[in-house]
N, C-alpha and C. Protein backbone atom coordinates (compact mmCIF):
# COMPACT_ATOMS: atom_id res chain seq x y z
N MET A 1 0.83 -1.20 0.00
CA MET A 1 0.00 0.00 0.00
C MET A 1 0.87 1.26 0.00
N LYS A 2 1.99 1.22 0.77
CA LYS A 2 2.88 2.38 0.81
C LYS A 2 3.44 2.67 -0.57
N ARG A 3 3.80 1.62 -1.29
CA ARG A 3 4.37 1.79 -2.62
C ARG A 3 3.37 2.49 -3.55
N VAL A 4 2.13 2.09 -3.48
CA VAL A 4 1.09 2.68 -4.32
C VAL A 4 0.92 4.15 -3.98
N ALA A 5 0.91 4.47 -2.69
CA ALA A 5 0.74 5.86 -2.27
C ALA A 5 1.88 6.73 -2.76
N ILE A 6 3.10 6.24 -2.66
CA ILE A 6 4.26 7.01 -3.11
C ILE A 6 4.22 7.21 -4.61
N VAL A 7 3.88 6.17 -5.35
CA VAL A 7 3.79 6.28 -6.81
C VAL A 7 2.74 7.31 -7.19
N LEU A 8 1.59 7.30 -6.51
CA LEU A 8 0.54 8.27 -6.81
C LEU A 8 0.99 9.70 -6.51
N VAL A 9 1.67 9.90 -5.39
CA VAL A 9 2.16 11.23 -5.04
C VAL A 9 3.16 11.71 -6.09
N LEU A 10 4.07 10.84 -6.48
CA LEU A 10 5.05 11.22 -7.48
C LEU A 10 4.40 11.52 -8.83
N MET A 11 3.38 10.74 -9.19
CA MET A 11 2.68 11.00 -10.45
C MET A 11 1.96 12.34 -10.40
N LEU A 12 1.33 12.66 -9.28
CA LEU A 12 0.64 13.94 -9.15
C LEU A 12 1.61 15.11 -9.22
N CYS A 13 2.78 14.94 -8.60
CA CYS A 13 3.79 16.00 -8.68
C CYS A 13 4.19 16.24 -10.13
N ALA A 14 4.30 15.18 -10.89
CA ALA A 14 4.70 15.31 -12.30
C ALA A 14 3.62 16.00 -13.11
N VAL A 15 2.38 15.74 -12.80
CA VAL A 15 1.28 16.32 -13.58
C VAL A 15 1.09 17.79 -13.28
N PHE A 16 1.20 18.20 -12.02
CA PHE A 16 0.81 19.55 -11.63
C PHE A 16 1.93 20.57 -11.58
N SER A 17 3.17 20.17 -11.78
CA SER A 17 4.25 21.14 -11.69
C SER A 17 4.35 21.98 -12.96
N LEU A 18 4.83 23.21 -12.79
CA LEU A 18 4.99 24.11 -13.93
C LEU A 18 6.43 24.18 -14.43
N PHE A 19 7.38 23.63 -13.70
CA PHE A 19 8.78 23.75 -14.05
C PHE A 19 9.31 22.41 -14.52
N ALA A 20 9.45 22.27 -15.83
CA ALA A 20 9.91 21.02 -16.40
C ALA A 20 10.98 21.28 -17.45
N VAL A 21 11.79 20.26 -17.67
CA VAL A 21 12.81 20.29 -18.72
C VAL A 21 12.37 19.25 -19.73
N SER A 22 12.38 19.61 -21.00
CA SER A 22 11.97 18.65 -22.02
C SER A 22 12.91 17.45 -22.00
N ALA A 23 12.42 16.32 -22.43
CA ALA A 23 13.19 15.07 -22.36
C ALA A 23 14.54 15.21 -23.06
N GLU A 24 14.58 15.87 -24.20
CA GLU A 24 15.84 16.00 -24.93
C GLU A 24 16.81 16.97 -24.26
N ASP A 25 16.33 17.79 -23.32
CA ASP A 25 17.19 18.75 -22.62
C ASP A 25 17.63 18.27 -21.24
N VAL A 26 17.25 17.06 -20.85
CA VAL A 26 17.68 16.54 -19.55
C VAL A 26 19.17 16.23 -19.64
N SER A 27 19.92 16.85 -18.75
CA SER A 27 21.37 16.66 -18.69
C SER A 27 21.80 16.85 -17.24
N SER A 28 23.05 16.57 -16.97
CA SER A 28 23.57 16.80 -15.62
C SER A 28 23.40 18.26 -15.24
N GLU A 29 23.66 19.15 -16.17
CA GLU A 29 23.56 20.58 -15.89
C GLU A 29 22.11 21.00 -15.60
N SER A 30 21.16 20.48 -16.37
CA SER A 30 19.76 20.86 -16.11
C SER A 30 19.27 20.27 -14.79
N ILE A 31 19.75 19.09 -14.44
CA ILE A 31 19.39 18.49 -13.15
C ILE A 31 19.94 19.33 -12.01
N VAL A 32 21.21 19.75 -12.11
CA VAL A 32 21.81 20.61 -11.09
C VAL A 32 21.02 21.90 -10.96
N ALA A 33 20.62 22.49 -12.07
CA ALA A 33 19.85 23.74 -12.03
C ALA A 33 18.53 23.53 -11.29
N MET A 34 17.83 22.44 -11.61
CA MET A 34 16.55 22.17 -10.94
C MET A 34 16.75 21.95 -9.45
N LEU A 35 17.76 21.16 -9.09
CA LEU A 35 18.00 20.87 -7.68
C LEU A 35 18.48 22.11 -6.92
N SER A 36 19.31 22.91 -7.54
CA SER A 36 19.79 24.13 -6.90
C SER A 36 18.63 25.09 -6.64
N GLU A 37 17.72 25.20 -7.60
CA GLU A 37 16.53 26.05 -7.41
C GLU A 37 15.67 25.55 -6.27
N ALA A 38 15.68 24.23 -6.05
CA ALA A 38 14.88 23.64 -4.97
C ALA A 38 15.63 23.69 -3.63
N GLY A 39 16.85 24.23 -3.62
CA GLY A 39 17.57 24.41 -2.36
C GLY A 39 18.56 23.31 -2.03
N TYR A 40 18.83 22.42 -2.96
CA TYR A 40 19.80 21.35 -2.72
C TYR A 40 21.20 21.80 -3.06
N ASP A 41 22.18 21.22 -2.39
CA ASP A 41 23.58 21.41 -2.72
C ASP A 41 23.91 20.36 -3.77
N ALA A 42 24.02 20.78 -5.03
CA ALA A 42 24.24 19.84 -6.13
C ALA A 42 25.26 20.42 -7.10
N TRP A 43 26.05 19.55 -7.72
CA TRP A 43 27.05 19.96 -8.69
C TRP A 43 27.35 18.81 -9.64
N VAL A 44 27.96 19.14 -10.77
CA VAL A 44 28.39 18.13 -11.73
C VAL A 44 29.81 17.73 -11.32
N ASP A 45 30.00 16.42 -11.08
CA ASP A 45 31.32 15.96 -10.65
C ASP A 45 32.24 15.73 -11.84
N GLU A 46 33.46 15.27 -11.55
CA GLU A 46 34.48 15.09 -12.59
C GLU A 46 34.11 14.02 -13.61
N GLU A 47 33.19 13.14 -13.27
CA GLU A 47 32.75 12.10 -14.21
C GLU A 47 31.53 12.54 -15.03
N GLY A 48 31.04 13.75 -14.76
CA GLY A 48 29.89 14.26 -15.50
C GLY A 48 28.55 13.90 -14.88
N ASP A 49 28.58 13.27 -13.72
CA ASP A 49 27.35 12.91 -13.01
C ASP A 49 26.98 14.02 -12.03
N VAL A 50 25.76 14.00 -11.56
CA VAL A 50 25.32 14.97 -10.56
C VAL A 50 25.62 14.40 -9.18
N THR A 51 26.25 15.21 -8.35
CA THR A 51 26.44 14.86 -6.95
C THR A 51 25.55 15.79 -6.15
N VAL A 52 24.80 15.23 -5.22
CA VAL A 52 23.90 16.02 -4.37
C VAL A 52 24.06 15.51 -2.95
N THR A 53 23.96 16.41 -1.98
CA THR A 53 24.06 16.00 -0.58
C THR A 53 22.71 16.16 0.11
N ASP A 54 22.50 15.30 1.10
CA ASP A 54 21.27 15.40 1.89
C ASP A 54 21.54 16.27 3.12
N GLN A 55 20.57 16.32 4.02
CA GLN A 55 20.67 17.19 5.20
C GLN A 55 21.78 16.75 6.15
N TYR A 56 22.28 15.51 6.02
CA TYR A 56 23.35 15.01 6.87
C TYR A 56 24.72 15.10 6.20
N GLY A 57 24.76 15.64 4.99
CA GLY A 57 26.02 15.74 4.26
C GLY A 57 26.39 14.48 3.49
N MET A 58 25.50 13.49 3.45
CA MET A 58 25.76 12.27 2.68
C MET A 58 25.65 12.59 1.20
N GLU A 59 26.55 12.00 0.41
CA GLU A 59 26.53 12.24 -1.03
C GLU A 59 25.74 11.17 -1.77
N TYR A 60 25.02 11.63 -2.78
CA TYR A 60 24.27 10.77 -3.68
C TYR A 60 24.66 11.16 -5.09
N TRP A 61 24.61 10.21 -6.01
CA TRP A 61 24.97 10.47 -7.39
C TRP A 61 23.77 10.20 -8.28
N ILE A 62 23.57 11.10 -9.22
CA ILE A 62 22.48 10.95 -10.19
C ILE A 62 23.12 10.91 -11.58
N MET A 63 22.86 9.83 -12.29
CA MET A 63 23.34 9.68 -13.66
C MET A 63 22.14 9.80 -14.59
N ALA A 64 22.28 10.65 -15.61
CA ALA A 64 21.18 10.87 -16.56
C ALA A 64 21.38 10.02 -17.81
N TYR A 65 20.31 9.39 -18.23
CA TYR A 65 20.27 8.63 -19.47
C TYR A 65 19.07 9.14 -20.28
N PRO A 66 19.22 10.35 -20.88
CA PRO A 66 18.07 10.98 -21.54
C PRO A 66 17.54 10.17 -22.73
N GLU A 67 18.38 9.39 -23.37
CA GLU A 67 17.90 8.58 -24.50
C GLU A 67 16.93 7.50 -24.04
N GLU A 68 16.96 7.19 -22.73
CA GLU A 68 16.04 6.19 -22.15
C GLU A 68 14.99 6.84 -21.24
N ASN A 69 15.01 8.17 -21.13
CA ASN A 69 14.15 8.89 -20.18
C ASN A 69 14.30 8.30 -18.78
N ARG A 70 15.57 8.21 -18.36
CA ARG A 70 15.86 7.52 -17.10
C ARG A 70 16.96 8.25 -16.34
N LEU A 71 16.76 8.31 -15.03
CA LEU A 71 17.79 8.75 -14.11
C LEU A 71 18.13 7.57 -13.21
N TRP A 72 19.39 7.46 -12.86
CA TRP A 72 19.82 6.43 -11.91
C TRP A 72 20.44 7.15 -10.73
N ILE A 73 19.88 6.94 -9.55
CA ILE A 73 20.40 7.56 -8.35
C ILE A 73 21.02 6.48 -7.48
N GLN A 74 22.14 6.81 -6.85
CA GLN A 74 22.88 5.82 -6.08
C GLN A 74 23.63 6.51 -4.94
N SER A 75 23.86 5.77 -3.87
CA SER A 75 24.75 6.20 -2.81
C SER A 75 25.43 4.97 -2.23
N GLY A 76 26.53 5.19 -1.56
CA GLY A 76 27.26 4.07 -0.99
C GLY A 76 27.88 4.41 0.36
N TRP A 77 28.07 3.36 1.15
CA TRP A 77 28.60 3.50 2.50
C TRP A 77 29.59 2.38 2.76
N THR A 78 30.75 2.70 3.28
CA THR A 78 31.80 1.72 3.54
C THR A 78 31.42 0.83 4.73
N ALA A 79 31.58 -0.47 4.52
CA ALA A 79 31.26 -1.45 5.57
C ALA A 79 32.30 -1.41 6.67
N SER A 80 31.89 -1.78 7.87
CA SER A 80 32.82 -1.87 8.98
C SER A 80 33.77 -3.05 8.73
N ASP A 81 34.92 -3.00 9.35
CA ASP A 81 35.91 -4.06 9.17
C ASP A 81 35.45 -5.39 9.75
N GLU A 82 34.51 -5.35 10.67
CA GLU A 82 34.06 -6.57 11.34
C GLU A 82 33.06 -7.39 10.53
N ILE A 83 32.44 -6.78 9.55
CA ILE A 83 31.38 -7.48 8.81
C ILE A 83 31.98 -8.41 7.75
N THR A 84 31.45 -9.61 7.68
CA THR A 84 31.88 -10.55 6.64
C THR A 84 31.02 -10.36 5.40
N SER A 85 31.53 -10.81 4.27
CA SER A 85 30.73 -10.71 3.03
C SER A 85 29.43 -11.48 3.17
N LYS A 86 29.49 -12.65 3.80
CA LYS A 86 28.28 -13.45 3.98
C LYS A 86 27.23 -12.66 4.78
N ASP A 87 27.67 -12.03 5.87
CA ASP A 87 26.74 -11.23 6.67
C ASP A 87 26.24 -10.01 5.90
N ALA A 88 27.12 -9.39 5.11
CA ALA A 88 26.72 -8.23 4.32
C ALA A 88 25.64 -8.62 3.31
N TYR A 89 25.83 -9.74 2.64
CA TYR A 89 24.81 -10.19 1.68
C TYR A 89 23.49 -10.49 2.38
N SER A 90 23.56 -11.06 3.55
CA SER A 90 22.35 -11.34 4.32
C SER A 90 21.62 -10.05 4.67
N LEU A 91 22.38 -9.02 5.07
CA LEU A 91 21.77 -7.73 5.42
C LEU A 91 21.11 -7.07 4.22
N VAL A 92 21.76 -7.10 3.06
CA VAL A 92 21.13 -6.47 1.89
C VAL A 92 19.92 -7.27 1.42
N ASN A 93 19.98 -8.59 1.55
CA ASN A 93 18.81 -9.39 1.18
C ASN A 93 17.63 -9.06 2.08
N GLU A 94 17.88 -8.93 3.36
CA GLU A 94 16.82 -8.55 4.30
C GLU A 94 16.28 -7.16 3.97
N SER A 95 17.17 -6.23 3.66
CA SER A 95 16.74 -4.87 3.31
C SER A 95 15.90 -4.88 2.04
N ASN A 96 16.30 -5.65 1.06
CA ASN A 96 15.55 -5.71 -0.20
C ASN A 96 14.16 -6.32 0.00
N ARG A 97 14.00 -7.16 0.98
CA ARG A 97 12.68 -7.71 1.27
C ARG A 97 11.78 -6.67 1.94
N ASN A 98 12.38 -5.72 2.65
CA ASN A 98 11.59 -4.79 3.45
C ASN A 98 11.52 -3.37 2.90
N LEU A 99 12.50 -2.94 2.14
CA LEU A 99 12.46 -1.60 1.55
C LEU A 99 11.75 -1.67 0.22
N PHE A 100 10.96 -0.68 -0.09
CA PHE A 100 10.21 -0.71 -1.33
C PHE A 100 10.64 0.38 -2.30
N PHE A 101 11.52 1.27 -1.89
CA PHE A 101 11.86 2.38 -2.75
C PHE A 101 13.34 2.43 -3.11
N ALA A 102 14.05 1.40 -2.82
CA ALA A 102 15.47 1.36 -3.16
C ALA A 102 15.90 -0.08 -3.31
N ARG A 103 16.88 -0.28 -4.15
CA ARG A 103 17.50 -1.60 -4.27
C ARG A 103 18.81 -1.52 -3.51
N CYS A 104 19.04 -2.47 -2.64
CA CYS A 104 20.25 -2.48 -1.83
C CYS A 104 21.17 -3.59 -2.34
N TRP A 105 22.47 -3.33 -2.30
CA TRP A 105 23.44 -4.33 -2.71
C TRP A 105 24.78 -4.08 -2.04
N TYR A 106 25.64 -5.06 -2.14
CA TYR A 106 26.95 -5.00 -1.50
C TYR A 106 28.03 -5.35 -2.51
N GLU A 107 29.09 -4.57 -2.54
CA GLU A 107 30.23 -4.81 -3.42
C GLU A 107 31.41 -5.26 -2.56
N PRO A 108 31.77 -6.55 -2.62
CA PRO A 108 32.80 -7.06 -1.72
C PRO A 108 34.21 -6.51 -1.98
N MET A 109 34.53 -6.19 -3.23
CA MET A 109 35.89 -5.69 -3.52
C MET A 109 36.15 -4.35 -2.84
N SER A 110 35.17 -3.47 -2.85
CA SER A 110 35.33 -2.16 -2.22
C SER A 110 34.77 -2.14 -0.79
N ARG A 111 34.15 -3.26 -0.37
CA ARG A 111 33.53 -3.36 0.95
C ARG A 111 32.55 -2.21 1.16
N THR A 112 31.66 -2.04 0.17
CA THR A 112 30.71 -0.93 0.19
C THR A 112 29.28 -1.43 0.02
N PHE A 113 28.41 -0.90 0.87
CA PHE A 113 26.97 -1.10 0.72
C PHE A 113 26.45 0.00 -0.18
N TYR A 114 25.50 -0.33 -1.04
CA TYR A 114 24.91 0.64 -1.95
C TYR A 114 23.39 0.56 -1.88
N ALA A 115 22.78 1.69 -2.21
CA ALA A 115 21.33 1.74 -2.47
C ALA A 115 21.18 2.51 -3.77
N ASP A 116 20.26 2.05 -4.62
CA ASP A 116 20.04 2.75 -5.87
C ASP A 116 18.60 2.62 -6.31
N TYR A 117 18.27 3.40 -7.33
CA TYR A 117 16.92 3.37 -7.89
C TYR A 117 16.97 3.92 -9.31
N ASP A 118 16.25 3.29 -10.21
CA ASP A 118 16.08 3.78 -11.57
C ASP A 118 14.77 4.55 -11.64
N LEU A 119 14.85 5.81 -11.99
CA LEU A 119 13.67 6.65 -12.13
C LEU A 119 13.40 6.86 -13.62
N LEU A 120 12.27 6.37 -14.07
CA LEU A 120 11.84 6.60 -15.44
C LEU A 120 10.92 7.81 -15.44
N TYR A 121 11.18 8.75 -16.32
CA TYR A 121 10.33 9.93 -16.39
C TYR A 121 9.64 9.96 -17.76
N PRO A 122 8.54 10.68 -17.87
CA PRO A 122 7.75 10.66 -19.11
C PRO A 122 8.51 11.30 -20.28
N SER A 123 8.12 10.94 -21.46
CA SER A 123 8.76 11.48 -22.66
C SER A 123 8.52 12.99 -22.80
N SER A 124 7.57 13.52 -22.04
CA SER A 124 7.32 14.96 -22.06
C SER A 124 8.42 15.73 -21.32
N GLY A 125 9.20 15.05 -20.48
CA GLY A 125 10.31 15.70 -19.82
C GLY A 125 10.37 15.43 -18.33
N LEU A 126 11.30 16.10 -17.70
CA LEU A 126 11.54 15.93 -16.27
C LEU A 126 11.09 17.17 -15.53
N ASP A 127 10.25 16.97 -14.55
CA ASP A 127 9.66 18.04 -13.77
C ASP A 127 10.47 18.28 -12.50
N ALA A 128 10.76 19.54 -12.18
CA ALA A 128 11.58 19.88 -11.03
C ALA A 128 10.94 19.44 -9.71
N ASP A 129 9.64 19.65 -9.55
CA ASP A 129 8.97 19.23 -8.31
C ASP A 129 8.97 17.72 -8.18
N PHE A 130 8.75 17.04 -9.28
CA PHE A 130 8.78 15.58 -9.30
C PHE A 130 10.16 15.09 -8.89
N LEU A 131 11.21 15.69 -9.44
CA LEU A 131 12.58 15.29 -9.11
C LEU A 131 12.87 15.51 -7.63
N ALA A 132 12.48 16.67 -7.10
CA ALA A 132 12.72 16.96 -5.68
C ALA A 132 11.95 16.00 -4.78
N SER A 133 10.70 15.69 -5.12
CA SER A 133 9.91 14.74 -4.33
C SER A 133 10.53 13.35 -4.37
N PHE A 134 10.94 12.95 -5.55
CA PHE A 134 11.59 11.65 -5.70
C PHE A 134 12.86 11.59 -4.86
N LEU A 135 13.66 12.63 -4.92
CA LEU A 135 14.92 12.65 -4.18
C LEU A 135 14.67 12.54 -2.68
N GLU A 136 13.68 13.23 -2.17
CA GLU A 136 13.36 13.15 -0.74
C GLU A 136 12.95 11.72 -0.35
N GLU A 137 12.17 11.07 -1.20
CA GLU A 137 11.78 9.68 -0.92
C GLU A 137 12.99 8.76 -0.93
N PHE A 138 13.91 8.99 -1.86
CA PHE A 138 15.11 8.17 -1.90
C PHE A 138 15.98 8.42 -0.68
N PHE A 139 16.12 9.68 -0.26
CA PHE A 139 16.87 9.98 0.96
C PHE A 139 16.27 9.24 2.16
N LEU A 140 14.96 9.22 2.25
CA LEU A 140 14.29 8.52 3.34
C LEU A 140 14.60 7.02 3.30
N ALA A 141 14.51 6.42 2.14
CA ALA A 141 14.83 4.99 2.00
C ALA A 141 16.28 4.73 2.37
N ALA A 142 17.19 5.60 1.94
CA ALA A 142 18.60 5.44 2.27
C ALA A 142 18.83 5.57 3.77
N ASP A 143 18.11 6.51 4.42
CA ASP A 143 18.21 6.65 5.88
C ASP A 143 17.77 5.38 6.59
N ILE A 144 16.69 4.80 6.13
CA ILE A 144 16.19 3.56 6.73
C ILE A 144 17.24 2.45 6.56
N PHE A 145 17.81 2.35 5.37
CA PHE A 145 18.82 1.34 5.09
C PHE A 145 20.06 1.55 5.96
N THR A 146 20.57 2.77 6.02
CA THR A 146 21.78 2.99 6.82
C THR A 146 21.50 2.84 8.32
N ASP A 147 20.32 3.25 8.78
CA ASP A 147 19.98 3.02 10.20
C ASP A 147 19.99 1.53 10.52
N TYR A 148 19.44 0.73 9.61
CA TYR A 148 19.43 -0.71 9.79
C TYR A 148 20.86 -1.26 9.82
N LEU A 149 21.70 -0.80 8.89
CA LEU A 149 23.09 -1.27 8.85
C LEU A 149 23.85 -0.88 10.11
N ILE A 150 23.63 0.34 10.57
CA ILE A 150 24.28 0.80 11.80
C ILE A 150 23.83 -0.05 12.99
N GLY A 151 22.53 -0.31 13.07
CA GLY A 151 21.99 -1.13 14.16
C GLY A 151 22.54 -2.55 14.15
N GLU A 152 22.90 -3.05 12.97
CA GLU A 152 23.46 -4.40 12.84
C GLU A 152 24.98 -4.41 12.94
N GLY A 153 25.59 -3.23 13.17
CA GLY A 153 27.03 -3.14 13.28
C GLY A 153 27.77 -3.27 11.95
N ALA A 154 27.06 -3.03 10.86
CA ALA A 154 27.68 -3.20 9.54
C ALA A 154 28.36 -1.93 9.03
N LEU A 155 28.06 -0.78 9.60
CA LEU A 155 28.70 0.48 9.21
C LEU A 155 29.51 1.03 10.37
């Protein structure tokens, strides 16, 4: 039920907002402009992706794929030295069963937990209010994931 409510809220934000970028104009620069106008600390990093920070200073990355009308948002957190790969995989599997707005995974080579989400936007373009609402929901999901990892001694 929560998933349906969030999808409906995001859809309504997309329909009623007045500030949108056409699909062919979605770029890292246009995303930074929209996020900066909404009060976020955002910039284009050295790889050409958007880096944005949340209220706690955590960094998130947004990669634009305008040819697919898709944004990919991701963040990562270094695992504690005490956690084994087996335990890390168990924690992300548990998170994936319980979180509905993010996909969680673990990269053993870098010993990093990640959360990500693919956002598909309409061919009419990307709406600034929709993007900001989506980002807040992703921040919330990431907070839930990191709180869980901290509680389990994984971070």
